[in-house]
Amino acid sequence: MKTIQFREWELVVDSDATKSVYNKVAAGKADNDLSDAFINFVNCRKTMLPDEIKTLFDALGIDANKECENTYLGKQNNDLHLYSAWFHFKGNFTSSIRKTQINDTFSIGFSKNTGSTFFKNTKDLVLVEFFVEIPWTIEKSFDL
């Protein structure tokens, strides 16, 4: 276990145990959903995460391409599309803050929710949930 300071949170993480689980997962939830909204999400994966989140996920052992849960939340007034995605890591955290804004289009939080996970053993499991606004990237016009 190692301790990582990320903004308001102190995260205690077993990155090796986390990586081990993600290495056994073939794909993220959005990869298995052929709806336009999730094709759009997959198209934006390489550009949606701020650099500090990419660095954080690497330190936690999370594969950012393998979300266990993904939700399309709708088109926003700024013409971007809001999504939520869930990941887990083995460990713990300290902070009473549930969510923080990273930039204009990205926020992240941590909780003890163990639902919808790739991990068989949910003891010492932390949920990482982010919200991101991304552009519509597929040629087909937006229609849900």
N, C-alpha and C. Protein backbone atom coordinates (compact mmCIF):
# COMPACT_ATOMS: atom_id res chain seq x y z
N MET A 1 0.84 -1.18 0.00
CA MET A 1 0.00 0.00 0.00
C MET A 1 0.89 1.24 0.00
N LYS A 2 0.44 2.22 -0.77
CA LYS A 2 1.14 3.50 -0.78
C LYS A 2 0.12 4.61 -0.61
N THR A 3 0.58 5.76 -0.15
CA THR A 3 -0.29 6.91 0.06
C THR A 3 -0.03 7.94 -1.03
N ILE A 4 -1.12 8.44 -1.60
CA ILE A 4 -1.06 9.45 -2.65
C ILE A 4 -1.89 10.65 -2.19
N GLN A 5 -1.32 11.83 -2.28
CA GLN A 5 -2.06 13.05 -1.99
C GLN A 5 -2.59 13.57 -3.32
N PHE A 6 -3.91 13.67 -3.44
CA PHE A 6 -4.54 14.22 -4.64
C PHE A 6 -5.53 15.29 -4.21
N ARG A 7 -5.17 16.53 -4.47
CA ARG A 7 -6.00 17.67 -4.06
C ARG A 7 -6.40 17.53 -2.59
N GLU A 8 -7.72 17.48 -2.28
CA GLU A 8 -8.18 17.41 -0.89
C GLU A 8 -8.09 16.01 -0.29
N TRP A 9 -7.78 15.03 -1.10
CA TRP A 9 -7.85 13.64 -0.65
C TRP A 9 -6.47 13.06 -0.36
N GLU A 10 -6.45 12.23 0.67
CA GLU A 10 -5.31 11.36 0.91
C GLU A 10 -5.80 9.96 0.53
N LEU A 11 -5.19 9.40 -0.48
CA LEU A 11 -5.61 8.09 -0.99
C LEU A 11 -4.58 7.04 -0.61
N VAL A 12 -5.03 5.99 0.01
CA VAL A 12 -4.18 4.84 0.31
C VAL A 12 -4.55 3.78 -0.70
N VAL A 13 -3.56 3.32 -1.47
CA VAL A 13 -3.87 2.48 -2.61
C VAL A 13 -2.95 1.27 -2.71
N ASP A 14 -3.55 0.17 -3.12
CA ASP A 14 -2.79 -1.03 -3.50
C ASP A 14 -2.87 -1.08 -5.03
N SER A 15 -1.96 -0.37 -5.68
CA SER A 15 -2.02 -0.26 -7.14
C SER A 15 -1.74 -1.59 -7.84
N ASP A 16 -0.94 -2.44 -7.25
CA ASP A 16 -0.68 -3.75 -7.86
C ASP A 16 -1.95 -4.60 -7.90
N ALA A 17 -2.69 -4.63 -6.79
CA ALA A 17 -3.95 -5.39 -6.75
C ALA A 17 -4.96 -4.80 -7.73
N THR A 18 -4.99 -3.47 -7.83
CA THR A 18 -5.92 -2.81 -8.75
C THR A 18 -5.55 -3.14 -10.19
N LYS A 19 -4.28 -3.01 -10.55
CA LYS A 19 -3.82 -3.33 -11.91
C LYS A 19 -4.14 -4.77 -12.28
N SER A 20 -3.95 -5.66 -11.33
CA SER A 20 -4.20 -7.08 -11.57
C SER A 20 -5.65 -7.32 -12.02
N VAL A 21 -6.59 -6.64 -11.39
CA VAL A 21 -8.00 -6.79 -11.77
C VAL A 21 -8.25 -6.19 -13.14
N TYR A 22 -7.76 -4.98 -13.38
CA TYR A 22 -7.98 -4.33 -14.68
C TYR A 22 -7.33 -5.10 -15.84
N ASN A 23 -6.21 -5.75 -15.57
CA ASN A 23 -5.54 -6.54 -16.62
C ASN A 23 -6.40 -7.72 -17.09
N LYS A 24 -7.32 -8.16 -16.26
CA LYS A 24 -8.19 -9.29 -16.61
C LYS A 24 -9.48 -8.86 -17.32
N VAL A 25 -9.72 -7.55 -17.39
CA VAL A 25 -10.94 -7.02 -18.01
C VAL A 25 -10.66 -6.74 -19.48
N ALA A 26 -11.52 -7.24 -20.35
CA ALA A 26 -11.31 -7.08 -21.80
C ALA A 26 -11.59 -5.67 -22.28
N ALA A 27 -12.64 -5.05 -21.77
CA ALA A 27 -13.04 -3.73 -22.28
C ALA A 27 -13.93 -3.03 -21.27
N GLY A 28 -14.06 -1.73 -21.43
CA GLY A 28 -14.94 -0.94 -20.59
C GLY A 28 -16.38 -1.09 -21.02
N LYS A 29 -17.29 -0.65 -20.17
CA LYS A 29 -18.72 -0.78 -20.44
C LYS A 29 -19.12 -0.10 -21.74
N ALA A 30 -18.58 1.08 -22.01
CA ALA A 30 -18.96 1.81 -23.22
C ALA A 30 -18.57 1.06 -24.49
N ASP A 31 -17.53 0.23 -24.42
CA ASP A 31 -17.11 -0.55 -25.59
C ASP A 31 -18.15 -1.60 -25.98
N ASN A 32 -18.97 -1.98 -25.04
CA ASN A 32 -19.96 -3.03 -25.29
C ASN A 32 -21.35 -2.49 -25.60
N ASP A 33 -21.46 -1.18 -25.72
CA ASP A 33 -22.75 -0.54 -26.00
C ASP A 33 -22.64 0.16 -27.35
N LEU A 34 -23.43 -0.26 -28.30
CA LEU A 34 -23.33 0.28 -29.66
C LEU A 34 -24.21 1.49 -29.90
N SER A 35 -24.78 2.07 -28.84
CA SER A 35 -25.60 3.26 -29.04
C SER A 35 -24.69 4.43 -29.41
N ASP A 36 -25.26 5.41 -30.08
CA ASP A 36 -24.51 6.57 -30.51
C ASP A 36 -23.81 7.27 -29.35
N ALA A 37 -24.50 7.40 -28.23
CA ALA A 37 -23.93 8.10 -27.08
C ALA A 37 -22.65 7.44 -26.60
N PHE A 38 -22.58 6.12 -26.59
CA PHE A 38 -21.39 5.44 -26.07
C PHE A 38 -20.31 5.31 -27.13
N ILE A 39 -20.68 5.26 -28.39
CA ILE A 39 -19.67 5.34 -29.45
C ILE A 39 -18.96 6.69 -29.33
N ASN A 40 -19.73 7.75 -29.08
CA ASN A 40 -19.16 9.08 -28.90
C ASN A 40 -18.20 9.10 -27.71
N PHE A 41 -18.59 8.49 -26.59
CA PHE A 41 -17.74 8.44 -25.40
C PHE A 41 -16.42 7.76 -25.72
N VAL A 42 -16.48 6.61 -26.37
CA VAL A 42 -15.26 5.87 -26.72
C VAL A 42 -14.37 6.72 -27.63
N ASN A 43 -14.98 7.43 -28.57
CA ASN A 43 -14.20 8.29 -29.47
C ASN A 43 -13.42 9.37 -28.72
N CYS A 44 -13.94 9.81 -27.59
CA CYS A 44 -13.33 10.92 -26.84
C CYS A 44 -12.41 10.46 -25.72
N ARG A 45 -12.26 9.17 -25.50
CA ARG A 45 -11.47 8.69 -24.37
C ARG A 45 -10.07 9.26 -24.32
N LYS A 46 -9.40 9.37 -25.45
CA LYS A 46 -8.00 9.80 -25.46
C LYS A 46 -7.83 11.28 -25.12
N THR A 47 -8.91 12.06 -25.25
CA THR A 47 -8.77 13.51 -25.05
C THR A 47 -9.57 14.04 -23.86
N MET A 48 -10.45 13.26 -23.28
CA MET A 48 -11.34 13.78 -22.24
C MET A 48 -10.71 13.93 -20.87
N LEU A 49 -9.69 13.16 -20.58
CA LEU A 49 -9.11 13.20 -19.23
C LEU A 49 -8.03 14.27 -19.13
N PRO A 50 -8.14 15.16 -18.14
CA PRO A 50 -7.05 16.11 -17.89
C PRO A 50 -5.76 15.35 -17.53
N ASP A 51 -4.62 15.93 -17.82
CA ASP A 51 -3.34 15.26 -17.56
C ASP A 51 -3.20 14.81 -16.12
N GLU A 52 -3.65 15.64 -15.16
CA GLU A 52 -3.49 15.24 -13.76
C GLU A 52 -4.34 14.01 -13.42
N ILE A 53 -5.44 13.79 -14.14
CA ILE A 53 -6.27 12.60 -13.91
C ILE A 53 -5.60 11.38 -14.54
N LYS A 54 -4.99 11.54 -15.70
CA LYS A 54 -4.23 10.44 -16.30
C LYS A 54 -3.12 10.00 -15.35
N THR A 55 -2.41 10.96 -14.78
CA THR A 55 -1.34 10.66 -13.83
C THR A 55 -1.90 9.96 -12.58
N LEU A 56 -3.03 10.46 -12.08
CA LEU A 56 -3.67 9.84 -10.92
C LEU A 56 -4.08 8.41 -11.22
N PHE A 57 -4.74 8.18 -12.33
CA PHE A 57 -5.18 6.82 -12.68
C PHE A 57 -3.99 5.88 -12.79
N ASP A 58 -2.89 6.33 -13.39
CA ASP A 58 -1.68 5.50 -13.47
C ASP A 58 -1.19 5.13 -12.07
N ALA A 59 -1.17 6.11 -11.17
CA ALA A 59 -0.70 5.85 -9.80
C ALA A 59 -1.63 4.91 -9.04
N LEU A 60 -2.94 4.98 -9.34
CA LEU A 60 -3.91 4.11 -8.66
C LEU A 60 -3.95 2.70 -9.25
N GLY A 61 -3.43 2.54 -10.46
CA GLY A 61 -3.49 1.24 -11.14
C GLY A 61 -4.74 1.06 -11.97
N ILE A 62 -5.46 2.14 -12.24
CA ILE A 62 -6.71 2.10 -13.00
C ILE A 62 -6.43 2.23 -14.49
N ASP A 63 -7.04 1.38 -15.28
CA ASP A 63 -7.00 1.50 -16.74
C ASP A 63 -8.16 2.40 -17.15
N ALA A 64 -7.86 3.60 -17.62
CA ALA A 64 -8.89 4.59 -17.95
C ALA A 64 -9.77 4.18 -19.12
N ASN A 65 -9.41 3.14 -19.84
CA ASN A 65 -10.22 2.64 -20.95
C ASN A 65 -11.21 1.57 -20.52
N LYS A 66 -11.26 1.28 -19.23
CA LYS A 66 -12.08 0.16 -18.75
C LYS A 66 -13.00 0.57 -17.61
N GLU A 67 -13.90 1.50 -17.89
CA GLU A 67 -14.87 1.91 -16.88
C GLU A 67 -15.84 0.76 -16.63
N CYS A 68 -16.23 0.57 -15.36
CA CYS A 68 -17.17 -0.50 -15.03
C CYS A 68 -18.61 -0.03 -15.19
N GLU A 69 -18.81 1.27 -15.16
CA GLU A 69 -20.14 1.83 -15.35
C GLU A 69 -19.99 3.14 -16.10
N ASN A 70 -20.96 3.42 -16.95
CA ASN A 70 -20.92 4.63 -17.76
C ASN A 70 -22.36 5.06 -18.00
N THR A 71 -22.63 6.35 -17.83
CA THR A 71 -23.98 6.85 -18.02
C THR A 71 -23.94 8.11 -18.87
N TYR A 72 -24.81 8.16 -19.86
CA TYR A 72 -24.98 9.37 -20.65
C TYR A 72 -26.04 10.22 -19.92
N LEU A 73 -25.70 11.47 -19.60
CA LEU A 73 -26.59 12.31 -18.81
C LEU A 73 -27.26 13.43 -19.60
N GLY A 74 -26.91 13.58 -20.87
CA GLY A 74 -27.63 14.52 -21.71
C GLY A 74 -26.81 15.63 -22.30
N LYS A 75 -27.41 16.25 -23.30
CA LYS A 75 -26.80 17.40 -23.96
C LYS A 75 -26.95 18.62 -23.06
N GLN A 76 -25.88 19.39 -22.94
CA GLN A 76 -25.85 20.55 -22.07
C GLN A 76 -26.10 21.84 -22.86
N ASN A 77 -26.34 22.91 -22.17
CA ASN A 77 -26.59 24.20 -22.81
C ASN A 77 -25.41 24.70 -23.64
N ASN A 78 -24.20 24.22 -23.33
CA ASN A 78 -23.01 24.62 -24.07
C ASN A 78 -22.75 23.73 -25.30
N ASP A 79 -23.74 22.89 -25.67
CA ASP A 79 -23.66 21.94 -26.79
C ASP A 79 -22.70 20.78 -26.56
N LEU A 80 -22.16 20.67 -25.36
CA LEU A 80 -21.37 19.49 -25.01
C LEU A 80 -22.30 18.45 -24.41
N HIS A 81 -21.82 17.22 -24.28
CA HIS A 81 -22.63 16.10 -23.79
C HIS A 81 -22.02 15.59 -22.50
N LEU A 82 -22.85 15.47 -21.46
CA LEU A 82 -22.40 15.11 -20.12
C LEU A 82 -22.48 13.60 -19.91
N TYR A 83 -21.38 13.05 -19.39
CA TYR A 83 -21.29 11.63 -19.07
C TYR A 83 -20.75 11.47 -17.66
N SER A 84 -21.05 10.31 -17.08
CA SER A 84 -20.47 9.89 -15.82
C SER A 84 -19.82 8.53 -16.06
N ALA A 85 -18.68 8.30 -15.42
CA ALA A 85 -18.02 6.99 -15.54
C ALA A 85 -17.48 6.58 -14.18
N TRP A 86 -17.52 5.27 -13.90
CA TRP A 86 -17.08 4.70 -12.63
C TRP A 86 -15.88 3.78 -12.84
N PHE A 87 -14.98 3.86 -11.86
CA PHE A 87 -13.82 2.98 -11.76
C PHE A 87 -13.66 2.67 -10.28
N HIS A 88 -12.89 1.64 -9.96
CA HIS A 88 -12.60 1.32 -8.56
C HIS A 88 -11.11 1.09 -8.39
N PHE A 89 -10.64 1.26 -7.15
CA PHE A 89 -9.29 0.84 -6.80
C PHE A 89 -9.32 0.26 -5.39
N LYS A 90 -8.36 -0.61 -5.13
CA LYS A 90 -8.21 -1.19 -3.80
C LYS A 90 -7.50 -0.19 -2.91
N GLY A 91 -8.12 0.13 -1.79
CA GLY A 91 -7.50 1.05 -0.87
C GLY A 91 -8.50 1.75 0.02
N ASN A 92 -8.20 3.02 0.29
CA ASN A 92 -9.05 3.82 1.16
C ASN A 92 -8.77 5.29 0.88
N PHE A 93 -9.55 6.18 1.48
CA PHE A 93 -9.33 7.61 1.29
C PHE A 93 -9.81 8.37 2.51
N THR A 94 -9.28 9.57 2.67
CA THR A 94 -9.75 10.45 3.72
C THR A 94 -10.12 11.80 3.10
N SER A 95 -11.28 12.25 3.39
CA SER A 95 -11.79 13.57 3.02
C SER A 95 -13.30 13.53 3.14
N SER A 96 -13.86 14.65 3.51
CA SER A 96 -15.32 14.73 3.55
C SER A 96 -15.86 15.32 2.24
N ILE A 97 -14.96 15.76 1.38
CA ILE A 97 -15.33 16.31 0.07
C ILE A 97 -15.76 15.15 -0.82
N ARG A 98 -16.92 15.27 -1.44
CA ARG A 98 -17.40 14.18 -2.32
C ARG A 98 -16.97 14.36 -3.76
N LYS A 99 -16.88 15.61 -4.23
CA LYS A 99 -16.57 15.83 -5.64
C LYS A 99 -15.87 17.18 -5.78
N THR A 100 -14.93 17.27 -6.71
CA THR A 100 -14.26 18.52 -6.97
C THR A 100 -14.12 18.77 -8.47
N GLN A 101 -14.20 20.01 -8.84
CA GLN A 101 -14.08 20.43 -10.24
C GLN A 101 -12.59 20.51 -10.58
N ILE A 102 -12.19 19.84 -11.66
CA ILE A 102 -10.80 19.85 -12.11
C ILE A 102 -10.59 20.96 -13.14
N ASN A 103 -11.53 21.07 -14.07
CA ASN A 103 -11.52 22.16 -15.05
C ASN A 103 -12.96 22.45 -15.45
N ASP A 104 -13.17 23.21 -16.49
CA ASP A 104 -14.53 23.61 -16.88
C ASP A 104 -15.43 22.45 -17.27
N THR A 105 -14.84 21.34 -17.70
CA THR A 105 -15.65 20.23 -18.22
C THR A 105 -15.46 18.91 -17.47
N PHE A 106 -14.68 18.91 -16.40
CA PHE A 106 -14.35 17.65 -15.73
C PHE A 106 -14.37 17.81 -14.22
N SER A 107 -15.07 16.89 -13.53
CA SER A 107 -15.05 16.82 -12.07
C SER A 107 -14.89 15.36 -11.65
N ILE A 108 -14.40 15.16 -10.44
CA ILE A 108 -14.11 13.81 -9.96
C ILE A 108 -14.40 13.72 -8.47
N GLY A 109 -14.75 12.52 -8.02
CA GLY A 109 -14.98 12.29 -6.60
C GLY A 109 -14.70 10.85 -6.23
N PHE A 110 -14.67 10.59 -4.94
CA PHE A 110 -14.39 9.26 -4.39
C PHE A 110 -15.46 8.92 -3.37
N SER A 111 -15.84 7.65 -3.31
CA SER A 111 -16.80 7.21 -2.30
C SER A 111 -16.58 5.72 -2.03
N LYS A 112 -17.40 5.16 -1.16
CA LYS A 112 -17.29 3.75 -0.79
C LYS A 112 -18.29 2.87 -1.54
N ASN A 113 -18.92 3.37 -2.58
CA ASN A 113 -19.90 2.59 -3.34
C ASN A 113 -19.19 1.42 -4.03
N THR A 114 -19.67 0.21 -3.78
CA THR A 114 -19.03 -0.98 -4.38
C THR A 114 -19.91 -1.65 -5.43
N GLY A 115 -21.01 -1.03 -5.79
CA GLY A 115 -21.87 -1.61 -6.81
C GLY A 115 -21.21 -1.51 -8.18
N SER A 116 -21.60 -2.37 -9.08
CA SER A 116 -21.15 -2.33 -10.47
C SER A 116 -19.62 -2.26 -10.55
N THR A 117 -18.96 -3.33 -10.13
CA THR A 117 -17.50 -3.34 -10.10
C THR A 117 -16.94 -4.60 -10.76
N PHE A 118 -15.69 -4.52 -11.17
CA PHE A 118 -14.97 -5.68 -11.71
C PHE A 118 -14.35 -6.51 -10.59
N PHE A 119 -14.32 -5.99 -9.38
CA PHE A 119 -13.63 -6.62 -8.26
C PHE A 119 -14.55 -7.64 -7.58
N LYS A 120 -14.06 -8.85 -7.41
CA LYS A 120 -14.84 -9.88 -6.71
C LYS A 120 -14.84 -9.62 -5.20
N ASN A 121 -13.72 -9.21 -4.67
CA ASN A 121 -13.59 -8.88 -3.25
C ASN A 121 -13.79 -7.38 -3.10
N THR A 122 -14.89 -6.97 -2.49
CA THR A 122 -15.20 -5.54 -2.38
C THR A 122 -14.71 -4.92 -1.08
N LYS A 123 -13.97 -5.67 -0.28
CA LYS A 123 -13.38 -5.10 0.94
C LYS A 123 -12.29 -4.10 0.53
N ASP A 124 -12.27 -2.95 1.20
CA ASP A 124 -11.28 -1.90 0.91
C ASP A 124 -11.32 -1.46 -0.56
N LEU A 125 -12.52 -1.23 -1.04
CA LEU A 125 -12.70 -0.81 -2.43
C LEU A 125 -13.21 0.63 -2.44
N VAL A 126 -12.60 1.45 -3.29
CA VAL A 126 -12.98 2.86 -3.42
C VAL A 126 -13.50 3.11 -4.83
N LEU A 127 -14.63 3.77 -4.91
CA LEU A 127 -15.20 4.17 -6.19
C LEU A 127 -14.62 5.52 -6.60
N VAL A 128 -14.19 5.59 -7.85
CA VAL A 128 -13.78 6.84 -8.48
C VAL A 128 -14.85 7.14 -9.52
N GLU A 129 -15.52 8.27 -9.37
CA GLU A 129 -16.54 8.64 -10.34
C GLU A 129 -16.17 9.99 -10.92
N PHE A 130 -16.19 10.06 -12.25
CA PHE A 130 -15.98 11.37 -12.85
C PHE A 130 -17.16 11.76 -13.72
N PHE A 131 -17.29 13.06 -13.89
CA PHE A 131 -18.29 13.66 -14.77
C PHE A 131 -17.51 14.47 -15.80
N VAL A 132 -17.86 14.28 -17.06
CA VAL A 132 -17.14 14.97 -18.11
C VAL A 132 -18.11 15.44 -19.20
N GLU A 133 -17.86 16.63 -19.70
CA GLU A 133 -18.61 17.16 -20.84
C GLU A 133 -17.70 17.06 -22.06
N ILE A 134 -18.22 16.42 -23.11
CA ILE A 134 -17.41 16.21 -24.31
C ILE A 134 -18.22 16.60 -25.56
N PRO A 135 -17.53 16.87 -26.65
CA PRO A 135 -18.25 17.22 -27.88
C PRO A 135 -18.86 15.98 -28.52
N TRP A 136 -19.79 16.20 -29.45
CA TRP A 136 -20.36 15.14 -30.25
C TRP A 136 -19.42 14.91 -31.42
N THR A 137 -18.89 13.70 -31.58
CA THR A 137 -17.82 13.45 -32.54
C THR A 137 -18.20 12.54 -33.70
N ILE A 138 -19.36 11.92 -33.62
CA ILE A 138 -19.70 10.99 -34.69
C ILE A 138 -20.51 11.72 -35.76
N GLU A 139 -20.40 11.24 -36.98
CA GLU A 139 -21.07 11.92 -38.10
C GLU A 139 -22.58 11.89 -38.00
N LYS A 140 -23.10 10.82 -37.45
CA LYS A 140 -24.55 10.73 -37.28
C LYS A 140 -25.00 11.83 -36.32
N SER A 141 -26.05 12.54 -36.67
CA SER A 141 -26.51 13.63 -35.81
C SER A 141 -27.02 13.07 -34.49
N PHE A 142 -26.89 13.89 -33.46
CA PHE A 142 -27.31 13.48 -32.13
C PHE A 142 -28.80 13.22 -32.11
N ASP A 143 -29.17 12.01 -31.67
CA ASP A 143 -30.59 11.65 -31.58
C ASP A 143 -30.72 10.47 -30.65
N LEU A 144 -31.28 10.70 -29.48
CA LEU A 144 -31.48 9.57 -28.53
C LEU A 144 -32.93 9.24 -28.42
